[in-house]
């Protein structure tokens, strides 16, 4: 998963599942680090806040649409966020604490009857038309 996707996934998982003191602390560390990266850019800060509000407002919806996510994805991609060690560590901590296993190079992940290894591309009928997994 590319760094921007790791960050966005951690934000979504954290907003939907944050419960308990340790989980809330982990998610808070992530959101505060993200805000601190854009503290000198009011427009980017507004995008971060807007996306966090979207996540909170839609956390109980099965397939929510987040109007701020594409804007945040672009802003993260243009910034050094994907190379920020603290931000990525915070995102991975949220995913480790609250989310599914984050695959690493050489690992094989099995979900239901689908097994995915490094560099695999999987076509799935149903809710997901296709998925591409790139592990670095």
N, C-alpha and C. Protein backbone atom coordinates (compact mmCIF):
# COMPACT_ATOMS: atom_id res chain seq x y z
N UNK A 1 0.86 -1.17 0.00
CA UNK A 1 0.00 0.00 0.00
C UNK A 1 0.91 1.23 0.00
N UNK A 2 0.62 2.18 -0.86
CA UNK A 2 1.44 3.39 -0.92
C UNK A 2 1.23 4.22 0.36
N UNK A 3 2.17 5.07 0.71
CA UNK A 3 2.08 5.82 1.98
C UNK A 3 0.81 6.65 2.13
N UNK A 4 0.35 7.29 1.07
CA UNK A 4 -0.87 8.10 1.16
C UNK A 4 -2.07 7.21 1.48
N UNK A 5 -2.15 6.05 0.86
CA UNK A 5 -3.24 5.12 1.14
C UNK A 5 -3.17 4.58 2.56
N UNK A 6 -1.96 4.36 3.07
CA UNK A 6 -1.80 3.92 4.47
C UNK A 6 -2.38 4.98 5.40
N UNK A 7 -2.05 6.24 5.15
CA UNK A 7 -2.54 7.34 5.99
C UNK A 7 -4.05 7.44 5.92
N UNK A 8 -4.61 7.44 4.71
CA UNK A 8 -6.06 7.56 4.55
C UNK A 8 -6.79 6.35 5.14
N UNK A 9 -6.24 5.16 4.98
CA UNK A 9 -6.85 3.96 5.56
C UNK A 9 -6.84 4.03 7.09
N UNK A 10 -5.75 4.48 7.64
CA UNK A 10 -5.65 4.59 9.10
C UNK A 10 -6.65 5.62 9.63
N UNK A 11 -6.81 6.73 8.92
CA UNK A 11 -7.80 7.72 9.34
C UNK A 11 -9.21 7.13 9.33
N UNK A 12 -9.54 6.38 8.28
CA UNK A 12 -10.87 5.78 8.18
C UNK A 12 -11.09 4.72 9.25
N UNK A 13 -10.10 3.86 9.46
CA UNK A 13 -10.22 2.81 10.47
C UNK A 13 -10.31 3.44 11.86
N UNK A 14 -9.47 4.42 12.12
CA UNK A 14 -9.46 5.08 13.43
C UNK A 14 -10.76 5.78 13.73
N UNK A 15 -11.33 6.46 12.75
CA UNK A 15 -12.59 7.19 12.96
C UNK A 15 -13.74 6.23 13.18
N UNK A 16 -13.70 5.08 12.53
CA UNK A 16 -14.83 4.16 12.64
C UNK A 16 -14.73 3.23 13.83
N UNK A 17 -13.53 2.98 14.32
CA UNK A 17 -13.38 1.99 15.38
C UNK A 17 -12.78 2.52 16.68
N UNK A 18 -12.37 3.77 16.71
CA UNK A 18 -11.68 4.27 17.89
C UNK A 18 -12.54 4.10 19.13
N UNK A 19 -12.08 3.24 20.00
CA UNK A 19 -12.77 2.97 21.26
C UNK A 19 -11.71 2.49 22.24
N UNK A 20 -11.88 2.84 23.45
CA UNK A 20 -10.88 2.46 24.44
C UNK A 20 -9.76 3.47 24.47
N UNK A 21 -9.13 3.57 25.62
CA UNK A 21 -8.11 4.59 25.84
C UNK A 21 -6.90 4.45 24.91
N UNK A 22 -6.38 3.24 24.74
CA UNK A 22 -5.20 3.05 23.89
C UNK A 22 -5.52 3.36 22.43
N UNK A 23 -6.69 2.91 21.97
CA UNK A 23 -7.08 3.16 20.58
C UNK A 23 -7.27 4.64 20.32
N UNK A 24 -7.93 5.32 21.25
CA UNK A 24 -8.14 6.76 21.08
C UNK A 24 -6.81 7.52 21.08
N UNK A 25 -5.89 7.11 21.92
CA UNK A 25 -4.59 7.77 21.98
C UNK A 25 -3.83 7.58 20.67
N UNK A 26 -3.90 6.39 20.11
CA UNK A 26 -3.22 6.10 18.85
C UNK A 26 -3.79 6.94 17.72
N UNK A 27 -5.11 6.98 17.65
CA UNK A 27 -5.79 7.77 16.61
C UNK A 27 -5.51 9.26 16.80
N UNK A 28 -5.52 9.73 18.04
CA UNK A 28 -5.24 11.14 18.33
C UNK A 28 -3.82 11.51 17.87
N UNK A 29 -2.86 10.63 18.11
CA UNK A 29 -1.48 10.88 17.68
C UNK A 29 -1.43 11.05 16.16
N UNK A 30 -2.15 10.20 15.44
CA UNK A 30 -2.19 10.30 13.98
C UNK A 30 -2.80 11.62 13.52
N UNK A 31 -3.96 11.98 14.06
CA UNK A 31 -4.63 13.19 13.60
C UNK A 31 -3.83 14.45 13.97
N UNK A 32 -3.22 14.45 15.13
CA UNK A 32 -2.42 15.61 15.53
C UNK A 32 -1.17 15.76 14.66
N UNK A 33 -0.53 14.65 14.32
CA UNK A 33 0.65 14.72 13.46
C UNK A 33 0.25 15.23 12.08
N UNK A 34 -0.88 14.75 11.57
CA UNK A 34 -1.35 15.21 10.27
C UNK A 34 -1.64 16.70 10.29
N UNK A 35 -2.31 17.16 11.33
CA UNK A 35 -2.60 18.60 11.44
C UNK A 35 -1.32 19.42 11.55
N UNK A 36 -0.33 18.90 12.28
CA UNK A 36 0.91 19.66 12.46
C UNK A 36 1.67 19.81 11.15
N UNK A 37 1.55 18.84 10.26
CA UNK A 37 2.23 18.95 8.97
C UNK A 37 1.72 20.11 8.13
N UNK A 38 0.43 20.43 8.31
CA UNK A 38 -0.19 21.47 7.50
C UNK A 38 -0.52 22.72 8.32
N UNK A 39 0.12 22.90 9.45
CA UNK A 39 -0.22 24.02 10.34
C UNK A 39 0.01 25.39 9.69
N UNK A 40 0.92 25.46 8.72
CA UNK A 40 1.20 26.75 8.08
C UNK A 40 0.47 26.92 6.74
N UNK A 41 -0.46 26.03 6.45
CA UNK A 41 -1.23 26.08 5.20
C UNK A 41 -2.72 26.01 5.54
N UNK A 42 -3.38 27.16 5.70
CA UNK A 42 -4.78 27.17 6.12
C UNK A 42 -5.72 26.37 5.21
N UNK A 43 -5.47 26.38 3.92
CA UNK A 43 -6.32 25.62 3.00
C UNK A 43 -6.18 24.12 3.24
N UNK A 44 -4.95 23.65 3.40
CA UNK A 44 -4.71 22.23 3.67
C UNK A 44 -5.27 21.85 5.03
N UNK A 45 -5.11 22.73 6.00
CA UNK A 45 -5.66 22.48 7.33
C UNK A 45 -7.18 22.32 7.27
N UNK A 46 -7.84 23.14 6.47
CA UNK A 46 -9.29 23.05 6.31
C UNK A 46 -9.67 21.71 5.66
N UNK A 47 -8.88 21.25 4.72
CA UNK A 47 -9.13 19.97 4.07
C UNK A 47 -9.01 18.83 5.09
N UNK A 48 -7.98 18.87 5.92
CA UNK A 48 -7.80 17.84 6.96
C UNK A 48 -9.00 17.83 7.90
N UNK A 49 -9.36 19.00 8.41
CA UNK A 49 -10.49 19.10 9.34
C UNK A 49 -11.79 18.64 8.67
N UNK A 50 -12.00 19.05 7.42
CA UNK A 50 -13.19 18.63 6.69
C UNK A 50 -13.27 17.13 6.52
N UNK A 51 -12.13 16.51 6.21
CA UNK A 51 -12.12 15.06 6.04
C UNK A 51 -12.38 14.35 7.37
N UNK A 52 -11.78 14.83 8.43
CA UNK A 52 -12.00 14.21 9.75
C UNK A 52 -13.47 14.33 10.16
N UNK A 53 -14.10 15.47 9.86
CA UNK A 53 -15.52 15.63 10.16
C UNK A 53 -16.37 14.69 9.32
N UNK A 54 -16.02 14.54 8.03
CA UNK A 54 -16.71 13.59 7.16
C UNK A 54 -16.65 12.18 7.74
N UNK A 55 -15.45 11.76 8.15
CA UNK A 55 -15.27 10.42 8.70
C UNK A 55 -16.12 10.22 9.95
N UNK A 56 -16.12 11.20 10.81
CA UNK A 56 -16.89 11.10 12.06
C UNK A 56 -18.39 11.04 11.76
N UNK A 57 -18.84 11.86 10.85
CA UNK A 57 -20.27 11.94 10.54
C UNK A 57 -20.79 10.68 9.84
N UNK A 58 -19.92 9.97 9.16
CA UNK A 58 -20.38 8.81 8.37
C UNK A 58 -19.85 7.48 8.90
N UNK A 59 -19.32 7.45 10.11
CA UNK A 59 -18.67 6.23 10.59
C UNK A 59 -19.60 5.03 10.71
N UNK A 60 -20.90 5.24 10.82
CA UNK A 60 -21.84 4.13 10.94
C UNK A 60 -22.49 3.75 9.61
N UNK A 61 -22.13 4.43 8.54
CA UNK A 61 -22.70 4.12 7.22
C UNK A 61 -21.89 3.01 6.56
N UNK A 62 -22.57 2.08 5.85
CA UNK A 62 -21.85 0.96 5.24
C UNK A 62 -20.89 1.36 4.12
N UNK A 63 -21.27 2.29 3.27
CA UNK A 63 -20.41 2.73 2.16
C UNK A 63 -20.48 4.25 2.05
N UNK A 64 -19.87 4.93 2.98
CA UNK A 64 -19.98 6.39 2.97
C UNK A 64 -19.18 7.03 1.85
N UNK A 65 -19.64 8.20 1.43
CA UNK A 65 -18.89 9.01 0.47
C UNK A 65 -18.28 10.16 1.25
N UNK A 66 -17.01 10.40 1.01
CA UNK A 66 -16.30 11.46 1.72
C UNK A 66 -15.84 12.50 0.71
N UNK A 67 -16.51 13.63 0.70
CA UNK A 67 -16.19 14.66 -0.29
C UNK A 67 -14.79 15.23 -0.12
N UNK A 68 -14.24 15.20 1.09
CA UNK A 68 -12.92 15.79 1.34
C UNK A 68 -11.78 14.81 1.03
N UNK A 69 -12.06 13.51 0.95
CA UNK A 69 -10.98 12.54 0.76
C UNK A 69 -10.16 12.77 -0.50
N UNK A 70 -10.77 12.99 -1.67
CA UNK A 70 -9.93 13.22 -2.86
C UNK A 70 -9.03 14.46 -2.72
N UNK A 71 -9.55 15.48 -2.06
CA UNK A 71 -8.73 16.69 -1.84
C UNK A 71 -7.57 16.39 -0.91
N UNK A 72 -7.84 15.63 0.15
CA UNK A 72 -6.77 15.29 1.09
C UNK A 72 -5.75 14.37 0.42
N UNK A 73 -6.23 13.42 -0.37
CA UNK A 73 -5.31 12.51 -1.08
C UNK A 73 -4.35 13.32 -1.97
N UNK A 74 -4.88 14.29 -2.71
CA UNK A 74 -4.03 15.13 -3.57
C UNK A 74 -3.03 15.93 -2.74
N UNK A 75 -3.52 16.50 -1.63
CA UNK A 75 -2.66 17.33 -0.79
C UNK A 75 -1.55 16.48 -0.16
N UNK A 76 -1.89 15.29 0.29
CA UNK A 76 -0.88 14.39 0.87
C UNK A 76 0.14 13.98 -0.18
N UNK A 77 -0.33 13.69 -1.38
CA UNK A 77 0.57 13.26 -2.46
C UNK A 77 1.54 14.37 -2.85
N UNK A 78 1.08 15.62 -2.84
CA UNK A 78 1.94 16.75 -3.21
C UNK A 78 2.90 17.15 -2.10
N UNK A 79 2.60 16.75 -0.89
CA UNK A 79 3.44 17.14 0.25
C UNK A 79 4.46 16.04 0.54
N UNK A 80 5.20 16.22 1.60
CA UNK A 80 6.16 15.21 2.04
C UNK A 80 5.54 14.24 3.04
N UNK A 81 4.23 14.22 3.14
CA UNK A 81 3.55 13.39 4.14
C UNK A 81 3.90 11.91 3.99
N UNK A 82 4.02 11.46 2.76
CA UNK A 82 4.35 10.05 2.51
C UNK A 82 5.75 9.67 2.93
N UNK A 83 6.59 10.67 3.19
CA UNK A 83 7.95 10.41 3.65
C UNK A 83 8.14 10.82 5.11
N UNK A 84 7.07 11.25 5.76
CA UNK A 84 7.16 11.67 7.15
C UNK A 84 7.11 10.44 8.06
N UNK A 85 8.24 10.12 8.66
CA UNK A 85 8.36 8.90 9.46
C UNK A 85 7.37 8.88 10.63
N UNK A 86 7.19 10.01 11.29
CA UNK A 86 6.26 10.07 12.44
C UNK A 86 4.82 9.84 12.00
N UNK A 87 4.42 10.45 10.90
CA UNK A 87 3.06 10.28 10.40
C UNK A 87 2.81 8.84 9.98
N UNK A 88 3.74 8.26 9.24
CA UNK A 88 3.57 6.87 8.81
C UNK A 88 3.59 5.91 9.99
N UNK A 89 4.43 6.17 10.97
CA UNK A 89 4.44 5.31 12.18
C UNK A 89 3.11 5.41 12.91
N UNK A 90 2.55 6.61 13.00
CA UNK A 90 1.25 6.79 13.66
C UNK A 90 0.15 6.08 12.87
N UNK A 91 0.19 6.19 11.54
CA UNK A 91 -0.81 5.52 10.71
C UNK A 91 -0.71 4.00 10.86
N UNK A 92 0.49 3.48 10.83
CA UNK A 92 0.67 2.03 10.99
C UNK A 92 0.26 1.57 12.38
N UNK A 93 0.48 2.41 13.38
CA UNK A 93 0.06 2.06 14.75
C UNK A 93 -1.46 1.95 14.83
N UNK A 94 -2.17 2.86 14.17
CA UNK A 94 -3.64 2.79 14.15
C UNK A 94 -4.08 1.51 13.45
N UNK A 95 -3.49 1.21 12.30
CA UNK A 95 -3.87 0.00 11.56
C UNK A 95 -3.54 -1.27 12.35
N UNK A 96 -2.42 -1.26 13.04
CA UNK A 96 -2.04 -2.42 13.85
C UNK A 96 -2.98 -2.59 15.03
N UNK A 97 -3.33 -1.47 15.67
CA UNK A 97 -4.18 -1.52 16.86
C UNK A 97 -5.64 -1.80 16.52
N UNK A 98 -6.14 -1.18 15.46
CA UNK A 98 -7.57 -1.21 15.18
C UNK A 98 -7.97 -1.92 13.90
N UNK A 99 -7.06 -2.03 12.97
CA UNK A 99 -7.45 -2.51 11.65
C UNK A 99 -7.01 -3.92 11.37
N UNK A 100 -7.23 -4.34 10.15
CA UNK A 100 -6.78 -5.65 9.73
C UNK A 100 -5.26 -5.67 9.61
N UNK A 101 -4.72 -6.84 9.46
CA UNK A 101 -3.27 -6.97 9.31
C UNK A 101 -2.81 -6.17 8.10
N UNK A 102 -1.73 -5.42 8.25
CA UNK A 102 -1.13 -4.69 7.14
C UNK A 102 -0.06 -5.60 6.54
N UNK A 103 -0.23 -6.06 5.30
CA UNK A 103 0.73 -6.99 4.72
C UNK A 103 2.10 -6.35 4.53
N UNK A 104 3.11 -7.16 4.64
CA UNK A 104 4.48 -6.72 4.39
C UNK A 104 5.05 -7.60 3.28
N UNK A 105 6.12 -7.14 2.67
CA UNK A 105 6.72 -7.89 1.57
C UNK A 105 6.98 -9.34 1.99
N UNK A 106 6.62 -10.26 1.12
CA UNK A 106 6.85 -11.67 1.38
C UNK A 106 5.74 -12.36 2.14
N UNK A 107 4.82 -11.61 2.71
CA UNK A 107 3.72 -12.21 3.45
C UNK A 107 2.60 -12.59 2.50
N UNK A 108 1.85 -13.59 2.91
CA UNK A 108 0.67 -14.01 2.17
C UNK A 108 -0.53 -13.73 3.06
N UNK A 109 -1.56 -13.11 2.52
CA UNK A 109 -2.76 -12.77 3.27
C UNK A 109 -3.91 -13.58 2.70
N UNK A 110 -4.69 -14.20 3.59
CA UNK A 110 -5.86 -14.94 3.16
C UNK A 110 -7.09 -14.26 3.72
N UNK A 111 -8.05 -13.97 2.87
CA UNK A 111 -9.33 -13.37 3.28
C UNK A 111 -10.43 -14.20 2.64
N UNK A 112 -11.17 -14.91 3.46
CA UNK A 112 -12.20 -15.79 2.91
C UNK A 112 -11.52 -16.89 2.12
N UNK A 113 -11.86 -17.03 0.86
CA UNK A 113 -11.24 -18.07 0.03
C UNK A 113 -10.24 -17.49 -0.96
N UNK A 114 -9.76 -16.27 -0.69
CA UNK A 114 -8.81 -15.62 -1.59
C UNK A 114 -7.47 -15.49 -0.88
N UNK A 115 -6.42 -15.97 -1.49
CA UNK A 115 -5.08 -15.84 -0.95
C UNK A 115 -4.30 -14.88 -1.83
N UNK A 116 -3.66 -13.91 -1.21
CA UNK A 116 -2.95 -12.88 -1.95
C UNK A 116 -1.49 -12.88 -1.50
N UNK A 117 -0.58 -12.96 -2.44
CA UNK A 117 0.85 -12.88 -2.16
C UNK A 117 1.42 -11.61 -2.73
N UNK A 118 2.71 -11.40 -2.55
CA UNK A 118 3.36 -10.18 -3.02
C UNK A 118 3.13 -9.93 -4.50
N UNK A 119 2.74 -8.71 -4.84
CA UNK A 119 2.57 -8.30 -6.22
C UNK A 119 1.38 -8.90 -6.93
N UNK A 120 0.47 -9.52 -6.19
CA UNK A 120 -0.66 -10.20 -6.82
C UNK A 120 -1.72 -9.22 -7.29
N UNK A 121 -2.40 -9.59 -8.36
CA UNK A 121 -3.59 -8.88 -8.81
C UNK A 121 -4.73 -9.88 -8.76
N UNK A 122 -5.83 -9.48 -8.11
CA UNK A 122 -6.93 -10.40 -7.88
C UNK A 122 -8.21 -9.79 -8.41
N UNK A 123 -8.98 -10.56 -9.19
CA UNK A 123 -10.31 -10.13 -9.62
C UNK A 123 -11.32 -10.85 -8.75
N UNK A 124 -12.25 -10.10 -8.18
CA UNK A 124 -13.23 -10.66 -7.26
C UNK A 124 -14.61 -10.26 -7.73
N UNK A 125 -15.50 -11.20 -7.85
CA UNK A 125 -16.89 -10.89 -8.18
C UNK A 125 -17.61 -10.48 -6.92
N UNK A 126 -18.56 -9.60 -7.02
CA UNK A 126 -19.32 -9.18 -5.84
C UNK A 126 -19.12 -7.71 -5.59
N UNK A 127 -18.91 -7.35 -4.33
CA UNK A 127 -18.79 -5.95 -3.95
C UNK A 127 -17.57 -5.26 -4.53
N UNK A 128 -16.48 -6.02 -4.72
CA UNK A 128 -15.26 -5.44 -5.25
C UNK A 128 -15.01 -6.05 -6.62
N UNK A 129 -14.98 -5.21 -7.65
CA UNK A 129 -14.81 -5.70 -9.01
C UNK A 129 -13.40 -6.24 -9.22
N UNK A 130 -12.40 -5.53 -8.71
CA UNK A 130 -11.02 -6.01 -8.84
C UNK A 130 -10.19 -5.32 -7.78
N UNK A 131 -9.07 -5.92 -7.46
CA UNK A 131 -8.18 -5.34 -6.47
C UNK A 131 -6.74 -5.59 -6.91
N UNK A 132 -5.91 -4.62 -6.71
CA UNK A 132 -4.49 -4.77 -7.01
C UNK A 132 -3.73 -4.56 -5.73
N UNK A 133 -2.83 -5.46 -5.44
CA UNK A 133 -2.05 -5.39 -4.21
C UNK A 133 -0.59 -5.23 -4.58
N UNK A 134 0.00 -4.16 -4.12
CA UNK A 134 1.42 -3.94 -4.36
C UNK A 134 2.09 -3.83 -3.01
N UNK A 135 3.04 -4.71 -2.75
CA UNK A 135 3.74 -4.70 -1.48
C UNK A 135 5.20 -4.35 -1.74
N UNK A 136 5.66 -3.35 -1.01
CA UNK A 136 7.06 -2.91 -1.20
C UNK A 136 7.84 -3.19 0.04
